Amino acid sequence: MCMKKSLGILLIIGFMICTGCRPGTAEVIKDIGGISMVPVKEASGLSGLNYADEENDIVLSQDDIALKIHYTSPNVYKDGHIMYIMESPAIKDQGKTYVPLSFFTDYLKIAVRSDENNQLSITDNDDFSLYNVVQFLPQEVCGALNDKNYPHRDEILKAVELTRSMHIDIPKINMKKVIQTNPLDAYAYDFKGELRRHGYTDEEISGFSYHDFEIIERSWKLPEKMVRSLKKGYPELADRDLSRWTYGDYEKYYTEQDQENFARSFTEDQITQLNQRGILLEDTFYLFKEFHQIDTILAQPDEVLKKTIEGYYQISIDALQ
């Protein structure tokens, strides 16, 4: 009798192995409602993030940075501002909390996968830092600029400062890394009306900043009229299927194309002269506002160009105050 029972167990285990199953394991990346979802606690631990499950929120943290994910919303928050919008809210399934895999791969830029043993694994996470991902409040940036003892000052400045032209001492701040905290009422444009038309309630809208609107708008699907306009403006997209493109996809594409077109507008000799004088190509945007033509820019003494660029750097810093 015992031998028959043991033989039966061996046959079951053999069948499981042959069919690709492993005893004692569960599906770590699973399809829930058509979306690839991953257990957030396990994936966070592999990524070097601290995980906490509060009453209504998931909190992922590193140093002083904390990201909050509400169970009832796809929004990811830092300091009360929306950082990212997931494909779906977090979901509890069989005792585990799942979030979209794309939260890790697209937003955090962490390659989370399921290996051949059906275990979660990631690559190149040794130097992962939330500082490289999130945006910062103006007071955080100002604090790091002005106070040598500001908490995690080096990490913040490394995340928000860009390379400067001509050995300029004034920091060049990547304003895309700064949260624009101005309330929507501060603008003449009817941002609130746009949000209402997309299904947001007045209660939700009341707490939104301009930064929140920008993040939300990037998640909206492009209307057909804009798709037609985009294909007309960029002929290389004429045969592309843009039916799933969002405002964020549109913004990324035209920004990259405009940068490439701007770089191609100079001759090799002009680029050589800019390089020899230590003028970054992106800083020529500022110089064009003042001097309008590349030859006029190159005819200016270094002192004049340096002072002009410094002025635009200072404008960005002043805007943080």
Protein backbone atom coordinates (compact mmCIF):
# COMPACT_ATOMS: atom_id res chain seq x y z
CA MET A 1 0.00 0.00 0.00
CA CYS A 2 2.80 2.43 1.00
CA MET A 3 4.72 1.55 -2.16
CA LYS A 4 1.66 2.33 -4.32
CA LYS A 5 1.18 5.68 -2.54
CA SER A 6 4.86 6.62 -3.00
CA LEU A 7 4.73 5.62 -6.64
CA GLY A 8 1.66 7.80 -7.11
CA ILE A 9 3.41 10.83 -5.60
CA LEU A 10 6.45 10.29 -7.84
CA LEU A 11 4.21 10.13 -10.89
CA ILE A 12 2.47 13.39 -9.91
CA ILE A 13 5.80 15.18 -9.36
CA GLY A 14 7.12 13.80 -12.65
CA PHE A 15 4.02 15.04 -14.46
CA MET A 16 4.39 18.51 -12.93
CA ILE A 17 8.04 18.75 -14.00
CA CYS A 18 7.26 17.54 -17.52
CA THR A 19 4.49 20.11 -17.91
CA GLY A 20 6.73 22.95 -16.84
CA CYS A 21 5.39 23.32 -13.28
CA ARG A 22 7.44 23.39 -10.11
CA PRO A 23 6.06 22.18 -6.79
CA GLY A 24 5.86 24.95 -4.23
CA THR A 25 6.05 27.89 -6.67
CA ALA A 26 3.43 30.34 -7.92
CA GLU A 27 3.14 32.45 -11.02
CA VAL A 28 5.20 35.56 -10.18
CA ILE A 29 4.33 37.66 -13.23
CA LYS A 30 0.71 37.11 -14.14
CA ASP A 31 -1.88 38.47 -16.49
CA ILE A 32 -4.64 40.22 -14.56
CA GLY A 33 -7.30 41.86 -16.70
CA GLY A 34 -5.02 41.84 -19.74
CA ILE A 35 -2.14 43.59 -17.92
CA SER A 36 1.14 41.98 -16.86
CA MET A 37 1.28 42.36 -13.07
CA VAL A 38 4.08 41.68 -10.62
CA PRO A 39 4.05 41.21 -6.81
CA VAL A 40 5.18 44.63 -5.63
CA LYS A 41 6.74 43.56 -2.32
CA GLU A 42 9.05 41.00 -3.93
CA ALA A 43 9.99 43.23 -6.89
CA SER A 44 10.68 46.17 -4.58
CA GLY A 45 12.93 44.09 -2.36
CA LEU A 46 15.01 42.99 -5.33
CA SER A 47 15.27 46.62 -6.45
CA GLY A 48 16.63 47.83 -3.12
CA LEU A 49 13.46 49.70 -2.15
CA ASN A 50 11.90 49.59 1.29
CA TYR A 51 8.31 48.32 1.21
CA ALA A 52 5.47 49.11 3.59
CA ASP A 53 1.78 48.23 3.27
CA GLU A 54 -0.27 50.84 5.10
CA GLU A 55 -4.05 50.88 5.51
CA ASN A 56 -4.87 52.44 2.14
CA ASP A 57 -1.44 52.85 0.56
CA ILE A 58 1.65 51.02 -0.55
CA VAL A 59 4.80 52.98 0.32
CA LEU A 60 8.10 52.40 -1.50
CA SER A 61 11.01 54.36 -0.10
CA GLN A 62 14.73 54.99 -0.33
CA ASP A 63 16.51 57.48 1.93
CA ASP A 64 14.12 60.44 2.34
CA ILE A 65 12.15 59.68 -0.83
CA ALA A 66 8.80 57.92 -0.49
CA LEU A 67 6.46 56.93 -3.32
CA LYS A 68 2.83 56.26 -2.39
CA ILE A 69 0.46 54.06 -4.37
CA HIS A 70 -3.24 54.15 -3.44
CA TYR A 71 -5.23 50.95 -3.84
CA THR A 72 -8.10 52.84 -5.47
CA SER A 73 -6.06 54.83 -8.00
CA PRO A 74 -3.39 54.17 -10.66
CA ASN A 75 -1.53 57.33 -9.57
CA VAL A 76 1.91 57.17 -7.96
CA TYR A 77 2.60 60.11 -5.61
CA LYS A 78 5.61 61.84 -4.08
CA ASP A 79 5.04 64.68 -1.61
CA GLY A 80 1.37 64.72 -2.62
CA HIS A 81 2.13 65.26 -6.32
CA ILE A 82 1.55 62.75 -9.11
CA MET A 83 4.79 61.25 -10.41
CA TYR A 84 3.43 58.52 -12.68
CA ILE A 85 0.16 56.96 -13.77
CA MET A 86 0.14 53.15 -13.90
CA GLU A 87 -1.87 51.01 -16.31
CA SER A 88 -4.15 49.99 -13.44
CA PRO A 89 -4.42 50.42 -9.66
CA ALA A 90 -2.71 47.93 -7.35
CA ILE A 91 -4.61 44.65 -7.02
CA LYS A 92 -4.68 42.10 -4.21
CA ASP A 93 -4.72 38.54 -5.52
CA GLN A 94 -4.29 35.33 -3.50
CA GLY A 95 -2.77 37.15 -0.56
CA LYS A 96 -0.30 39.22 -2.59
CA THR A 97 -0.42 42.80 -3.83
CA TYR A 98 0.30 43.25 -7.54
CA VAL A 99 1.11 46.35 -9.58
CA PRO A 100 1.65 46.63 -13.34
CA LEU A 101 5.04 45.32 -14.44
CA SER A 102 5.43 48.51 -16.49
CA PHE A 103 5.69 50.53 -13.25
CA PHE A 104 9.08 48.91 -12.73
CA THR A 105 10.22 48.60 -16.36
CA ASP A 106 8.96 51.92 -17.78
CA TYR A 107 8.99 54.30 -14.81
CA LEU A 108 11.70 52.99 -12.49
CA LYS A 109 13.68 51.58 -15.46
CA ILE A 110 14.29 48.29 -13.64
CA ALA A 111 14.31 45.12 -15.75
CA VAL A 112 12.11 42.83 -13.66
CA ARG A 113 11.52 39.38 -15.14
CA SER A 114 10.57 35.84 -14.27
CA ASP A 115 13.47 33.39 -14.71
CA GLU A 116 13.44 29.74 -15.77
CA ASN A 117 12.71 28.66 -12.19
CA ASN A 118 9.65 30.92 -12.04
CA GLN A 119 11.44 33.27 -9.63
CA LEU A 120 11.59 37.04 -9.91
CA SER A 121 14.96 38.45 -10.90
CA ILE A 122 16.33 41.78 -12.08
CA THR A 123 19.54 42.96 -13.70
CA ASP A 124 21.82 45.92 -13.04
CA ASN A 125 20.17 47.10 -9.83
CA ASP A 126 23.36 47.70 -7.81
CA ASP A 127 23.34 51.44 -8.39
CA PHE A 128 19.58 51.96 -8.65
CA SER A 129 18.58 55.26 -7.10
CA LEU A 130 15.16 56.87 -6.76
CA TYR A 131 16.93 60.24 -7.06
CA ASN A 132 17.46 59.50 -10.76
CA VAL A 133 13.76 58.79 -11.26
CA VAL A 134 11.68 61.25 -9.26
CA GLN A 135 11.17 64.99 -9.46
CA PHE A 136 11.84 67.35 -6.58
CA LEU A 137 9.99 70.18 -4.88
CA PRO A 138 11.50 73.64 -5.51
CA GLN A 139 12.44 73.97 -1.83
CA GLU A 140 14.36 70.69 -2.01
CA VAL A 141 16.40 71.95 -4.96
CA CYS A 142 16.96 75.36 -3.37
CA GLY A 143 17.94 73.70 -0.11
CA ALA A 144 20.50 71.53 -1.86
CA LEU A 145 21.88 74.54 -3.76
CA ASN A 146 22.22 76.82 -0.75
CA ASP A 147 22.92 74.56 2.23
CA LYS A 148 26.01 72.36 2.27
CA ASN A 149 24.48 70.33 5.11
CA TYR A 150 21.13 69.74 3.38
CA PRO A 151 20.04 66.06 3.70
CA HIS A 152 21.26 64.00 0.75
CA ARG A 153 22.50 67.17 -0.93
CA ASP A 154 24.95 65.42 -3.27
CA GLU A 155 22.33 63.00 -4.58
CA ILE A 156 19.80 65.76 -5.24
CA LEU A 157 22.28 68.02 -7.03
CA LYS A 158 23.56 65.13 -9.12
CA ALA A 159 19.99 64.38 -10.16
CA VAL A 160 18.94 67.93 -11.06
CA GLU A 161 22.12 69.63 -12.33
CA LEU A 162 23.07 69.54 -16.00
CA THR A 163 26.47 70.07 -17.59
CA ARG A 164 27.28 73.77 -18.02
CA SER A 165 28.86 75.70 -20.89
CA MET A 166 32.12 77.64 -20.68
CA HIS A 167 33.02 76.65 -17.07
CA ILE A 168 30.13 78.75 -15.77
CA ASP A 169 29.83 78.63 -11.97
CA ILE A 170 26.05 79.12 -11.81
CA PRO A 171 24.31 75.70 -11.71
CA LYS A 172 22.26 74.69 -14.71
CA ILE A 173 19.10 73.04 -13.38
CA ASN A 174 17.16 70.43 -15.31
CA MET A 175 13.73 71.99 -14.86
CA LYS A 176 12.05 68.75 -15.96
CA LYS A 177 13.23 67.37 -12.61
CA VAL A 178 11.46 70.12 -10.66
CA ILE A 179 7.82 69.89 -9.57
CA GLN A 180 5.85 72.94 -10.73
CA THR A 181 3.69 73.46 -7.64
CA ASN A 182 1.61 76.40 -8.93
CA PRO A 183 -2.15 75.79 -8.43
CA LEU A 184 -4.29 75.58 -11.55
CA ASP A 185 -6.16 78.76 -10.58
CA ALA A 186 -2.95 80.72 -11.20
CA TYR A 187 -3.32 80.24 -14.97
CA ALA A 188 -5.65 81.88 -17.45
CA TYR A 189 -6.09 78.64 -19.40
CA ASP A 190 -9.00 76.46 -18.26
CA PHE A 191 -7.01 73.43 -17.09
CA LYS A 192 -9.84 72.47 -14.75
CA GLY A 193 -12.27 72.32 -17.67
CA GLU A 194 -9.93 69.95 -19.52
CA LEU A 195 -9.79 67.69 -16.48
CA ARG A 196 -13.59 67.72 -16.07
CA ARG A 197 -13.99 66.73 -19.72
CA HIS A 198 -11.79 63.71 -18.99
CA GLY A 199 -13.93 62.58 -16.07
CA TYR A 200 -12.22 64.17 -13.07
CA THR A 201 -14.42 65.47 -10.26
CA ASP A 202 -14.15 68.93 -8.71
CA GLU A 203 -12.99 67.29 -5.47
CA GLU A 204 -10.10 65.60 -7.27
CA ILE A 205 -9.23 68.70 -9.27
CA SER A 206 -9.12 70.96 -6.21
CA GLY A 207 -5.83 69.44 -5.06
CA PHE A 208 -4.06 69.40 -8.43
CA SER A 209 -1.05 71.55 -9.27
CA TYR A 210 0.16 72.42 -12.76
CA HIS A 211 2.64 69.57 -12.42
CA ASP A 212 -0.20 67.11 -11.77
CA PHE A 213 -2.04 68.34 -14.86
CA GLU A 214 1.07 67.77 -17.00
CA ILE A 215 1.47 64.18 -15.79
CA ILE A 216 -2.24 63.45 -16.25
CA GLU A 217 -2.36 65.01 -19.72
CA ARG A 218 0.56 62.87 -20.91
CA SER A 219 -1.54 59.77 -20.20
CA TRP A 220 -4.44 60.88 -22.41
CA LYS A 221 -4.90 59.27 -25.78
CA LEU A 222 -4.29 61.55 -28.77
CA PRO A 223 -7.52 62.57 -30.53
CA GLU A 224 -7.81 61.60 -34.18
CA LYS A 225 -7.47 65.23 -35.26
CA MET A 226 -4.07 65.47 -33.59
CA VAL A 227 -2.97 62.14 -35.09
CA ARG A 228 -3.72 63.48 -38.57
CA SER A 229 -1.85 66.70 -37.81
CA LEU A 230 1.13 64.75 -36.45
CA LYS A 231 1.36 62.57 -39.55
CA LYS A 232 1.18 65.66 -41.74
CA GLY A 233 3.93 67.42 -39.80
CA TYR A 234 6.17 64.35 -39.67
CA PRO A 235 5.82 62.45 -43.00
CA GLU A 236 7.89 59.53 -41.67
CA LEU A 237 4.91 58.69 -39.42
CA ALA A 238 2.41 58.55 -42.29
CA ASP A 239 2.21 54.74 -42.33
CA ARG A 240 2.65 54.21 -38.58
CA ASP A 241 -0.23 53.01 -36.41
CA LEU A 242 -0.60 55.80 -33.84
CA SER A 243 -3.97 54.68 -32.50
CA ARG A 244 -2.51 54.02 -29.04
CA TRP A 245 -0.29 57.10 -28.86
CA THR A 246 -0.75 59.43 -25.92
CA TYR A 247 0.12 63.09 -25.46
CA GLY A 248 3.25 61.82 -23.72
CA ASP A 249 4.29 59.83 -26.80
CA TYR A 250 3.67 62.89 -28.94
CA GLU A 251 5.72 65.14 -26.64
CA LYS A 252 8.65 62.71 -26.58
CA TYR A 253 8.65 62.31 -30.36
CA TYR A 254 8.51 65.97 -31.35
CA THR A 255 11.10 66.91 -28.70
CA GLU A 256 13.57 64.34 -30.03
CA GLN A 257 12.90 65.32 -33.64
CA ASP A 258 13.25 69.03 -32.95
CA GLN A 259 16.57 68.43 -31.19
CA GLU A 260 17.85 66.37 -34.11
CA ASN A 261 16.70 68.99 -36.63
CA PHE A 262 18.32 71.75 -34.57
CA ALA A 263 21.64 69.89 -34.47
CA ARG A 264 21.50 69.29 -38.23
CA SER A 265 20.95 73.00 -38.90
CA PHE A 266 24.63 73.76 -38.19
CA THR A 267 27.61 73.10 -40.41
CA GLU A 268 30.48 70.95 -39.16
CA ASP A 269 32.66 74.06 -38.92
CA GLN A 270 30.07 75.87 -36.78
CA ILE A 271 29.78 72.88 -34.44
CA THR A 272 33.58 72.71 -34.21
CA GLN A 273 33.72 76.38 -33.21
CA LEU A 274 31.03 75.87 -30.56
CA ASN A 275 32.93 72.90 -29.15
CA GLN A 276 36.24 74.76 -29.13
CA ARG A 277 34.68 77.57 -27.12
CA GLY A 278 32.99 75.18 -24.69
CA ILE A 279 29.43 76.09 -25.70
CA LEU A 280 27.02 73.20 -25.38
CA LEU A 281 24.67 72.74 -28.30
CA GLU A 282 21.59 72.90 -26.05
CA ASP A 283 22.74 76.25 -24.64
CA THR A 284 22.67 77.78 -28.10
CA PHE A 285 18.87 77.79 -27.68
CA TYR A 286 19.35 80.59 -25.15
CA LEU A 287 21.83 82.40 -27.39
CA PHE A 288 19.46 82.31 -30.37
CA LYS A 289 16.87 84.20 -28.31
CA GLU A 290 19.39 87.00 -27.95
CA PHE A 291 21.39 86.94 -31.21
CA HIS A 292 19.03 85.13 -33.65
CA GLN A 293 21.71 83.71 -36.01
CA ILE A 294 24.58 81.26 -35.49
CA ASP A 295 27.12 83.49 -37.26
CA THR A 296 26.15 86.41 -35.01
CA ILE A 297 26.59 84.16 -31.98
CA LEU A 298 30.04 83.01 -33.07
CA ALA A 299 31.10 86.63 -33.70
CA GLN A 300 30.54 87.54 -30.02
CA PRO A 301 33.43 87.52 -27.51
CA ASP A 302 33.43 84.75 -24.91
CA GLU A 303 32.63 87.24 -22.14
CA VAL A 304 29.40 88.30 -23.87
CA LEU A 305 28.23 84.75 -24.55
CA LYS A 306 29.12 83.60 -21.06
CA LYS A 307 27.19 86.48 -19.47
CA THR A 308 24.16 85.75 -21.67
CA ILE A 309 24.11 82.05 -20.79
CA GLU A 310 24.61 82.83 -17.09
CA GLY A 311 21.54 85.06 -17.24
CA TYR A 312 19.35 82.20 -18.45
CA TYR A 313 20.77 79.83 -15.84
CA GLN A 314 19.96 82.40 -13.16
CA ILE A 315 16.41 82.84 -14.47
CA SER A 316 15.81 79.12 -13.90
CA ILE A 317 17.14 79.27 -10.35
CA ASP A 318 15.15 82.42 -9.57
CA ALA A 319 12.00 80.64 -10.76
CA LEU A 320 12.48 78.10 -7.97
CA GLN A 321 12.35 80.70 -5.19
